Amino acid sequence: MPTSQVSSRRLPRRIFKGCAAVVALGFAGVLFLFGLLWWDHTRETVLPTPTGPFAVGRTTYVWSDPTQAELMAPQPGTKRELFAWIWYPAAPQQ
């Protein structure tokens, strides 16, 4: 059998193996990213303590608009809400 016929038969097999390797690496990458997201989700977020001569206060607000529906919510009819952390200069503690 001539060499050109042998190599032409191997080409589809090489392409298939290459595509399978790319798909396997992509799947492994997605699993790795989901693992990182799960790991980050299970950890508590600890914010750094403010440094410097000035006191810093923090408050949390939840603002909602009952007249607007949240279009991207998983449940239809959910009202629009905005969660906000506000950092502000505070009076120093005595």
PDB file of N, CA and C in Angstrom:
ATOM      1  N   MET A   1       0.844  -1.165   0.000  1.00  0.00           N
ATOM      2  CA  MET A   1       0.000   0.000   0.000  1.00  0.00           C
ATOM      3  C   MET A   1       0.901   1.243   0.000  1.00  0.00           C
ATOM      4  N   PRO A   2       0.641   2.226  -0.841  1.00  0.00           N
ATOM      5  CA  PRO A   2       1.464   3.436  -0.867  1.00  0.00           C
ATOM      6  C   PRO A   2       1.313   4.228   0.428  1.00  0.00           C
ATOM      7  N   THR A   3       2.333   5.016   0.727  1.00  0.00           N
ATOM      8  CA  THR A   3       2.361   5.799   1.963  1.00  0.00           C
ATOM      9  C   THR A   3       1.248   6.832   2.008  1.00  0.00           C
ATOM     10  N   SER A   4       0.896   7.410   0.891  1.00  0.00           N
ATOM     11  CA  SER A   4      -0.144   8.441   0.863  1.00  0.00           C
ATOM     12  C   SER A   4      -1.507   7.873   1.258  1.00  0.00           C
ATOM     13  N   GLN A   5      -1.784   6.628   0.898  1.00  0.00           N
ATOM     14  CA  GLN A   5      -3.060   6.025   1.276  1.00  0.00           C
ATOM     15  C   GLN A   5      -3.101   5.726   2.770  1.00  0.00           C
ATOM     16  N   VAL A   6      -1.976   5.313   3.338  1.00  0.00           N
ATOM     17  CA  VAL A   6      -1.926   5.027   4.777  1.00  0.00           C
ATOM     18  C   VAL A   6      -2.113   6.297   5.572  1.00  0.00           C
ATOM     19  N   SER A   7      -1.430   7.381   5.161  1.00  0.00           N
ATOM     20  CA  SER A   7      -1.549   8.630   5.901  1.00  0.00           C
ATOM     21  C   SER A   7      -2.938   9.248   5.736  1.00  0.00           C
ATOM     22  N   SER A   8      -3.578   9.035   4.585  1.00  0.00           N
ATOM     23  CA  SER A   8      -4.927   9.579   4.406  1.00  0.00           C
ATOM     24  C   SER A   8      -5.943   8.828   5.262  1.00  0.00           C
ATOM     25  N   ARG A   9      -5.663   7.574   5.597  1.00  0.00           N
ATOM     26  CA  ARG A   9      -6.551   6.824   6.488  1.00  0.00           C
ATOM     27  C   ARG A   9      -6.340   7.231   7.942  1.00  0.00           C
ATOM     28  N   ARG A  10      -5.159   7.665   8.277  1.00  0.00           N
ATOM     29  CA  ARG A  10      -4.866   8.064   9.656  1.00  0.00           C
ATOM     30  C   ARG A  10      -5.361   9.469   9.972  1.00  0.00           C
ATOM     31  N   LEU A  11      -5.515  10.294   8.957  1.00  0.00           N
ATOM     32  CA  LEU A  11      -5.913  11.681   9.173  1.00  0.00           C
ATOM     33  C   LEU A  11      -7.260  11.802   9.895  1.00  0.00           C
ATOM     34  N   PRO A  12      -8.325  11.118   9.474  1.00  0.00           N
ATOM     35  CA  PRO A  12      -9.592  11.236  10.220  1.00  0.00           C
ATOM     36  C   PRO A  12      -9.457  10.770  11.670  1.00  0.00           C
ATOM     37  N   ARG A  13      -8.661   9.743  11.897  1.00  0.00           N
ATOM     38  CA  ARG A  13      -8.463   9.256  13.266  1.00  0.00           C
ATOM     39  C   ARG A  13      -7.742  10.305  14.109  1.00  0.00           C
ATOM     40  N   ARG A  14      -6.752  10.968  13.528  1.00  0.00           N
ATOM     41  CA  ARG A  14      -6.029  12.028  14.253  1.00  0.00           C
ATOM     42  C   ARG A  14      -6.939  13.208  14.559  1.00  0.00           C
ATOM     43  N   ILE A  15      -7.764  13.572  13.592  1.00  0.00           N
ATOM     44  CA  ILE A  15      -8.705  14.676  13.811  1.00  0.00           C
ATOM     45  C   ILE A  15      -9.683  14.313  14.922  1.00  0.00           C
ATOM     46  N   PHE A  16     -10.191  13.091  14.894  1.00  0.00           N
ATOM     47  CA  PHE A  16     -11.132  12.652  15.934  1.00  0.00           C
ATOM     48  C   PHE A  16     -10.463  12.662  17.306  1.00  0.00           C
ATOM     49  N   LYS A  17      -9.238  12.160  17.398  1.00  0.00           N
ATOM     50  CA  LYS A  17      -8.522  12.143  18.680  1.00  0.00           C
ATOM     51  C   LYS A  17      -8.250  13.568  19.165  1.00  0.00           C
ATOM     52  N   GLY A  18      -7.903  14.453  18.255  1.00  0.00           N
ATOM     53  CA  GLY A  18      -7.666  15.847  18.637  1.00  0.00           C
ATOM     54  C   GLY A  18      -8.923  16.513  19.161  1.00  0.00           C
ATOM     55  N   CYS A  19     -10.041  16.301  18.474  1.00  0.00           N
ATOM     56  CA  CYS A  19     -11.316  16.872  18.928  1.00  0.00           C
ATOM     57  C   CYS A  19     -11.725  16.283  20.277  1.00  0.00           C
ATOM     58  N   ALA A  20     -11.526  14.981  20.445  1.00  0.00           N
ATOM     59  CA  ALA A  20     -11.866  14.347  21.724  1.00  0.00           C
ATOM     60  C   ALA A  20     -11.008  14.911  22.847  1.00  0.00           C
ATOM     61  N   ALA A  21      -9.732  15.168  22.577  1.00  0.00           N
ATOM     62  CA  ALA A  21      -8.851  15.740  23.594  1.00  0.00           C
ATOM     63  C   ALA A  21      -9.293  17.162  23.963  1.00  0.00           C
ATOM     64  N   VAL A  22      -9.672  17.954  22.973  1.00  0.00           N
ATOM     65  CA  VAL A  22     -10.136  19.321  23.241  1.00  0.00           C
ATOM     66  C   VAL A  22     -11.414  19.291  24.069  1.00  0.00           C
ATOM     67  N   VAL A  23     -12.346  18.402  23.727  1.00  0.00           N
ATOM     68  CA  VAL A  23     -13.599  18.292  24.482  1.00  0.00           C
ATOM     69  C   VAL A  23     -13.317  17.839  25.916  1.00  0.00           C
ATOM     70  N   ALA A  24     -12.421  16.873  26.091  1.00  0.00           N
ATOM     71  CA  ALA A  24     -12.093  16.389  27.428  1.00  0.00           C
ATOM     72  C   ALA A  24     -11.428  17.488  28.260  1.00  0.00           C
ATOM     73  N   LEU A  25     -10.517  18.243  27.662  1.00  0.00           N
ATOM     74  CA  LEU A  25      -9.875  19.342  28.391  1.00  0.00           C
ATOM     75  C   LEU A  25     -10.887  20.442  28.731  1.00  0.00           C
ATOM     76  N   GLY A  26     -11.798  20.728  27.815  1.00  0.00           N
ATOM     77  CA  GLY A  26     -12.834  21.722  28.092  1.00  0.00           C
ATOM     78  C   GLY A  26     -13.737  21.283  29.231  1.00  0.00           C
ATOM     79  N   PHE A  27     -14.123  20.016  29.222  1.00  0.00           N
ATOM     80  CA  PHE A  27     -14.976  19.484  30.299  1.00  0.00           C
ATOM     81  C   PHE A  27     -14.245  19.538  31.636  1.00  0.00           C
ATOM     82  N   ALA A  28     -12.959  19.160  31.638  1.00  0.00           N
ATOM     83  CA  ALA A  28     -12.167  19.223  32.875  1.00  0.00           C
ATOM     84  C   ALA A  28     -12.027  20.664  33.354  1.00  0.00           C
ATOM     85  N   GLY A  29     -11.867  21.594  32.431  1.00  0.00           N
ATOM     86  CA  GLY A  29     -11.764  23.004  32.806  1.00  0.00           C
ATOM     87  C   GLY A  29     -13.042  23.532  33.422  1.00  0.00           C
ATOM     88  N   VAL A  30     -14.182  23.153  32.845  1.00  0.00           N
ATOM     89  CA  VAL A  30     -15.468  23.584  33.401  1.00  0.00           C
ATOM     90  C   VAL A  30     -15.668  22.991  34.792  1.00  0.00           C
ATOM     91  N   LEU A  31     -15.339  21.727  34.970  1.00  0.00           N
ATOM     92  CA  LEU A  31     -15.443  21.111  36.297  1.00  0.00           C
ATOM     93  C   LEU A  31     -14.540  21.813  37.296  1.00  0.00           C
ATOM     94  N   PHE A  32     -13.343  22.172  36.881  1.00  0.00           N
ATOM     95  CA  PHE A  32     -12.413  22.881  37.752  1.00  0.00           C
ATOM     96  C   PHE A  32     -12.979  24.246  38.158  1.00  0.00           C
ATOM     97  N   LEU A  33     -13.554  24.978  37.198  1.00  0.00           N
ATOM     98  CA  LEU A  33     -14.136  26.275  37.514  1.00  0.00           C
ATOM     99  C   LEU A  33     -15.328  26.143  38.458  1.00  0.00           C
ATOM    100  N   PHE A  34     -16.188  25.146  38.229  1.00  0.00           N
ATOM    101  CA  PHE A  34     -17.309  24.929  39.148  1.00  0.00           C
ATOM    102  C   PHE A  34     -16.814  24.566  40.544  1.00  0.00           C
ATOM    103  N   GLY A  35     -15.739  23.785  40.620  1.00  0.00           N
ATOM    104  CA  GLY A  35     -15.145  23.467  41.924  1.00  0.00           C
ATOM    105  C   GLY A  35     -14.640  24.711  42.631  1.00  0.00           C
ATOM    106  N   LEU A  36     -13.983  25.601  41.890  1.00  0.00           N
ATOM    107  CA  LEU A  36     -13.515  26.853  42.494  1.00  0.00           C
ATOM    108  C   LEU A  36     -14.673  27.719  42.963  1.00  0.00           C
ATOM    109  N   LEU A  37     -15.743  27.778  42.162  1.00  0.00           N
ATOM    110  CA  LEU A  37     -16.914  28.554  42.570  1.00  0.00           C
ATOM    111  C   LEU A  37     -17.547  27.979  43.830  1.00  0.00           C
ATOM    112  N   TRP A  38     -17.657  26.661  43.901  1.00  0.00           N
ATOM    113  CA  TRP A  38     -18.232  26.036  45.097  1.00  0.00           C
ATOM    114  C   TRP A  38     -17.347  26.311  46.306  1.00  0.00           C
ATOM    115  N   TRP A  39     -16.025  26.194  46.143  1.00  0.00           N
ATOM    116  CA  TRP A  39     -15.099  26.429  47.239  1.00  0.00           C
ATOM    117  C   TRP A  39     -15.210  27.875  47.725  1.00  0.00           C
ATOM    118  N   ASP A  40     -15.305  28.837  46.806  1.00  0.00           N
ATOM    119  CA  ASP A  40     -15.421  30.235  47.188  1.00  0.00           C
ATOM    120  C   ASP A  40     -16.773  30.504  47.847  1.00  0.00           C
ATOM    121  N   HIS A  41     -17.809  29.809  47.400  1.00  0.00           N
ATOM    122  CA  HIS A  41     -19.148  30.006  47.960  1.00  0.00           C
ATOM    123  C   HIS A  41     -19.229  29.514  49.407  1.00  0.00           C
ATOM    124  N   THR A  42     -18.472  28.487  49.760  1.00  0.00           N
ATOM    125  CA  THR A  42     -18.553  27.922  51.106  1.00  0.00           C
ATOM    126  C   THR A  42     -17.701  28.695  52.120  1.00  0.00           C
ATOM    127  N   ARG A  43     -16.829  29.574  51.636  1.00  0.00           N
ATOM    128  CA  ARG A  43     -15.997  30.350  52.558  1.00  0.00           C
ATOM    129  C   ARG A  43     -16.721  31.623  52.977  1.00  0.00           C
ATOM    130  N   GLU A  44     -16.429  32.082  54.184  1.00  0.00           N
ATOM    131  CA  GLU A  44     -16.997  33.337  54.658  1.00  0.00           C
ATOM    132  C   GLU A  44     -16.159  34.495  54.136  1.00  0.00           C
ATOM    133  N   THR A  45     -16.825  35.558  53.697  1.00  0.00           N
ATOM    134  CA  THR A  45     -16.120  36.739  53.214  1.00  0.00           C
ATOM    135  C   THR A  45     -15.748  37.607  54.406  1.00  0.00           C
ATOM    136  N   VAL A  46     -14.462  37.802  54.600  1.00  0.00           N
ATOM    137  CA  VAL A  46     -13.971  38.628  55.691  1.00  0.00           C
ATOM    138  C   VAL A  46     -13.320  39.861  55.076  1.00  0.00           C
ATOM    139  N   LEU A  47     -13.888  41.002  55.378  1.00  0.00           N
ATOM    140  CA  LEU A  47     -13.350  42.240  54.833  1.00  0.00           C
ATOM    141  C   LEU A  47     -12.191  42.722  55.697  1.00  0.00           C
ATOM    142  N   PRO A  48     -11.223  43.382  55.104  1.00  0.00           N
ATOM    143  CA  PRO A  48     -10.090  43.861  55.893  1.00  0.00           C
ATOM    144  C   PRO A  48     -10.518  44.971  56.841  1.00  0.00           C
ATOM    145  N   THR A  49      -9.846  45.040  57.977  1.00  0.00           N
ATOM    146  CA  THR A  49     -10.104  46.095  58.943  1.00  0.00           C
ATOM    147  C   THR A  49      -9.556  47.404  58.389  1.00  0.00           C
ATOM    148  N   PRO A  50     -10.362  48.462  58.401  1.00  0.00           N
ATOM    149  CA  PRO A  50      -9.858  49.734  57.895  1.00  0.00           C
ATOM    150  C   PRO A  50      -8.656  50.209  58.708  1.00  0.00           C
ATOM    151  N   THR A  51      -7.682  50.765  58.033  1.00  0.00           N
ATOM    152  CA  THR A  51      -6.492  51.285  58.689  1.00  0.00           C
ATOM    153  C   THR A  51      -6.439  52.788  58.470  1.00  0.00           C
ATOM    154  N   GLY A  52      -5.651  53.443  59.253  1.00  0.00           N
ATOM    155  CA  GLY A  52      -5.480  54.880  59.104  1.00  0.00           C
ATOM    156  C   GLY A  52      -6.078  55.633  60.272  1.00  0.00           C
ATOM    157  N   PRO A  53      -5.918  56.945  60.271  1.00  0.00           N
ATOM    158  CA  PRO A  53      -6.341  57.760  61.410  1.00  0.00           C
ATOM    159  C   PRO A  53      -7.838  58.058  61.442  1.00  0.00           C
ATOM    160  N   PHE A  54      -8.565  57.728  60.392  1.00  0.00           N
ATOM    161  CA  PHE A  54      -9.976  58.093  60.330  1.00  0.00           C
ATOM    162  C   PHE A  54     -10.864  56.878  60.563  1.00  0.00           C
ATOM    163  N   ALA A  55     -11.963  57.112  61.294  1.00  0.00           N
ATOM    164  CA  ALA A  55     -12.921  56.036  61.553  1.00  0.00           C
ATOM    165  C   ALA A  55     -13.809  55.846  60.317  1.00  0.00           C
ATOM    166  N   VAL A  56     -14.183  54.601  60.098  1.00  0.00           N
ATOM    167  CA  VAL A  56     -15.030  54.270  58.954  1.00  0.00           C
ATOM    168  C   VAL A  56     -16.245  53.515  59.466  1.00  0.00           C
ATOM    169  N   GLY A  57     -17.424  53.947  59.039  1.00  0.00           N
ATOM    170  CA  GLY A  57     -18.650  53.252  59.388  1.00  0.00           C
ATOM    171  C   GLY A  57     -19.184  52.520  58.168  1.00  0.00           C
ATOM    172  N   ARG A  58     -20.007  51.525  58.417  1.00  0.00           N
ATOM    173  CA  ARG A  58     -20.607  50.776  57.312  1.00  0.00           C
ATOM    174  C   ARG A  58     -22.052  50.465  57.675  1.00  0.00           C
ATOM    175  N   THR A  59     -22.912  50.586  56.700  1.00  0.00           N
ATOM    176  CA  THR A  59     -24.308  50.228  56.896  1.00  0.00           C
ATOM    177  C   THR A  59     -24.785  49.456  55.669  1.00  0.00           C
ATOM    178  N   THR A  60     -25.833  48.708  55.848  1.00  0.00           N
ATOM    179  CA  THR A  60     -26.395  47.918  54.756  1.00  0.00           C
ATOM    180  C   THR A  60     -27.831  48.360  54.521  1.00  0.00           C
ATOM    181  N   TYR A  61     -28.184  48.549  53.270  1.00  0.00           N
ATOM    182  CA  TYR A  61     -29.542  48.914  52.900  1.00  0.00           C
ATOM    183  C   TYR A  61     -30.085  47.910  51.892  1.00  0.00           C
ATOM    184  N   VAL A  62     -31.393  47.719  51.943  1.00  0.00           N
ATOM    185  CA  VAL A  62     -32.102  46.936  50.929  1.00  0.00           C
ATOM    186  C   VAL A  62     -33.196  47.846  50.397  1.00  0.00           C
ATOM    187  N   TRP A  63     -33.041  48.244  49.148  1.00  0.00           N
ATOM    188  CA  TRP A  63     -34.039  49.086  48.513  1.00  0.00           C
ATOM    189  C   TRP A  63     -34.858  48.230  47.560  1.00  0.00           C
ATOM    190  N   SER A  64     -36.177  48.413  47.605  1.00  0.00           N
ATOM    191  CA  SER A  64     -37.033  47.638  46.705  1.00  0.00           C
ATOM    192  C   SER A  64     -38.009  48.574  46.003  1.00  0.00           C
ATOM    193  N   ASP A  65     -38.391  48.179  44.814  1.00  0.00           N
ATOM    194  CA  ASP A  65     -39.347  48.937  44.017  1.00  0.00           C
ATOM    195  C   ASP A  65     -40.526  48.014  43.723  1.00  0.00           C
ATOM    196  N   PRO A  66     -41.623  48.156  44.468  1.00  0.00           N
ATOM    197  CA  PRO A  66     -42.760  47.245  44.274  1.00  0.00           C
ATOM    198  C   PRO A  66     -43.490  47.447  42.948  1.00  0.00           C
ATOM    199  N   THR A  67     -43.199  48.536  42.234  1.00  0.00           N
ATOM    200  CA  THR A  67     -43.883  48.773  40.957  1.00  0.00           C
ATOM    201  C   THR A  67     -43.174  48.107  39.786  1.00  0.00           C
ATOM    202  N   GLN A  68     -41.946  47.635  39.992  1.00  0.00           N
ATOM    203  CA  GLN A  68     -41.171  47.035  38.909  1.00  0.00           C
ATOM    204  C   GLN A  68     -40.942  45.553  39.180  1.00  0.00           C
ATOM    205  N   ALA A  69     -41.130  44.742  38.172  1.00  0.00           N
ATOM    206  CA  ALA A  69     -40.838  43.313  38.280  1.00  0.00           C
ATOM    207  C   ALA A  69     -39.395  43.084  37.830  1.00  0.00           C
ATOM    208  N   GLU A  70     -38.716  42.172  38.507  1.00  0.00           N
ATOM    209  CA  GLU A  70     -37.345  41.803  38.124  1.00  0.00           C
ATOM    210  C   GLU A  70     -37.431  40.786  37.000  1.00  0.00           C
ATOM    211  N   LEU A  71     -36.987  41.172  35.822  1.00  0.00           N
ATOM    212  CA  LEU A  71     -37.129  40.316  34.643  1.00  0.00           C
ATOM    213  C   LEU A  71     -36.185  39.126  34.671  1.00  0.00           C
ATOM    214  N   MET A  72     -35.049  39.238  35.357  1.00  0.00           N
ATOM    215  CA  MET A  72     -34.067  38.164  35.374  1.00  0.00           C
ATOM    216  C   MET A  72     -34.214  37.248  36.595  1.00  0.00           C
ATOM    217  N   ALA A  73     -35.232  37.432  37.403  1.00  0.00           N
ATOM    218  CA  ALA A  73     -35.436  36.611  38.595  1.00  0.00           C
ATOM    219  C   ALA A  73     -35.860  35.201  38.204  1.00  0.00           C
ATOM    220  N   PRO A  74     -35.475  34.204  39.020  1.00  0.00           N
ATOM    221  CA  PRO A  74     -35.857  32.827  38.692  1.00  0.00           C
ATOM    222  C   PRO A  74     -37.355  32.562  38.843  1.00  0.00           C
ATOM    223  N   GLN A  75     -38.021  33.375  39.654  1.00  0.00           N
ATOM    224  CA  GLN A  75     -39.464  33.195  39.846  1.00  0.00           C
ATOM    225  C   GLN A  75     -40.193  34.408  39.270  1.00  0.00           C
ATOM    226  N   PRO A  76     -41.181  34.200  38.422  1.00  0.00           N
ATOM    227  CA  PRO A  76     -41.923  35.324  37.851  1.00  0.00           C
ATOM    228  C   PRO A  76     -42.646  36.115  38.937  1.00  0.00           C
ATOM    229  N   GLY A  77     -42.726  37.419  38.760  1.00  0.00           N
ATOM    230  CA  GLY A  77     -43.440  38.268  39.709  1.00  0.00           C
ATOM    231  C   GLY A  77     -42.588  38.782  40.848  1.00  0.00           C
ATOM    232  N   THR A  78     -41.305  38.432  40.878  1.00  0.00           N
ATOM    233  CA  THR A  78     -40.421  38.935  41.927  1.00  0.00           C
ATOM    234  C   THR A  78     -40.203  40.427  41.709  1.00  0.00           C
ATOM    235  N   LYS A  79     -40.299  41.195  42.780  1.00  0.00           N
ATOM    236  CA  LYS A  79     -40.126  42.638  42.688  1.00  0.00           C
ATOM    237  C   LYS A  79     -38.639  42.983  42.693  1.00  0.00           C
ATOM    238  N   ARG A  80     -38.307  44.095  42.096  1.00  0.00           N
ATOM    239  CA  ARG A  80     -36.919  44.527  41.955  1.00  0.00           C
ATOM    240  C   ARG A  80     -36.363  44.979  43.301  1.00  0.00           C
ATOM    241  N   GLU A  81     -35.145  44.484  43.635  1.00  0.00           N
ATOM    242  CA  GLU A  81     -34.470  44.841  44.883  1.00  0.00           C
ATOM    243  C   GLU A  81     -33.017  45.164  44.600  1.00  0.00           C
ATOM    244  N   LEU A  82     -32.459  46.029  45.420  1.00  0.00           N
ATOM    245  CA  LEU A  82     -31.050  46.380  45.327  1.00  0.00           C
ATOM    246  C   LEU A  82     -30.463  46.321  46.734  1.00  0.00           C
ATOM    247  N   PHE A  83     -29.412  45.540  46.888  1.00  0.00           N
ATOM    248  CA  PHE A  83     -28.715  45.439  48.162  1.00  0.00           C
ATOM    249  C   PHE A  83     -27.472  46.316  48.073  1.00  0.00           C
ATOM    250  N   ALA A  84     -27.238  47.146  49.089  1.00  0.00           N
ATOM    251  CA  ALA A  84     -26.102  48.071  49.036  1.00  0.00           C
ATOM    252  C   ALA A  84     -25.390  48.106  50.383  1.00  0.00           C
ATOM    253  N   TRP A  85     -24.053  48.063  50.334  1.00  0.00           N
ATOM    254  CA  TRP A  85     -23.214  48.344  51.494  1.00  0.00           C
ATOM    255  C   TRP A  85     -22.696  49.755  51.286  1.00  0.00           C
ATOM    256  N   ILE A  86     -22.832  50.567  52.283  1.00  0.00           N
ATOM    257  CA  ILE A  86     -22.354  51.938  52.176  1.00  0.00           C
ATOM    258  C   ILE A  86     -21.298  52.153  53.259  1.00  0.00           C
ATOM    259  N   TRP A  87     -20.124  52.577  52.817  1.00  0.00           N
ATOM    260  CA  TRP A  87     -19.020  52.907  53.710  1.00  0.00           C
ATOM    261  C   TRP A  87     -18.973  54.433  53.805  1.00  0.00           C
ATOM    262  N   TYR A  88     -18.802  54.944  55.018  1.00  0.00           N
ATOM    263  CA  TYR A  88     -18.837  56.395  55.200  1.00  0.00           C
ATOM    264  C   TYR A  88     -17.869  56.782  56.315  1.00  0.00           C
ATOM    265  N   PRO A  89     -17.419  58.045  56.305  1.00  0.00           N
ATOM    266  CA  PRO A  89     -16.570  58.514  57.401  1.00  0.00           C
ATOM    267  C   PRO A  89     -17.395  58.599  58.670  1.00  0.00           C
ATOM    268  N   ALA A  90     -16.850  58.153  59.754  1.00  0.00           N
ATOM    269  CA  ALA A  90     -17.591  58.146  61.026  1.00  0.00           C
ATOM    270  C   ALA A  90     -16.813  58.940  62.067  1.00  0.00           C
ATOM    271  N   ALA A  91     -17.515  59.240  63.144  1.00  0.00           N
ATOM    272  CA  ALA A  91     -16.859  59.936  64.261  1.00  0.00           C
ATOM    273  C   ALA A  91     -15.967  58.913  64.977  1.00  0.00           C
ATOM    274  N   PRO A  92     -14.758  59.312  65.353  1.00  0.00           N
ATOM    275  CA  PRO A  92     -13.878  58.366  66.047  1.00  0.00           C
ATOM    276  C   PRO A  92     -14.454  57.977  67.396  1.00  0.00           C
ATOM    277  N   GLN A  93     -14.225  56.720  67.791  1.00  0.00           N
ATOM    278  CA  GLN A  93     -14.691  56.238  69.088  1.00  0.00           C
ATOM    279  C   GLN A  93     -13.803  56.788  70.198  1.00  0.00           C
ATOM    280  N   GLN A  94     -14.430  57.089  71.319  1.00  0.00           N
ATOM    281  CA  GLN A  94     -13.683  57.626  72.475  1.00  0.00           C
ATOM    282  C   GLN A  94     -13.144  56.509  73.324  1.00  0.00           C
TER     283      GLN A  94
END
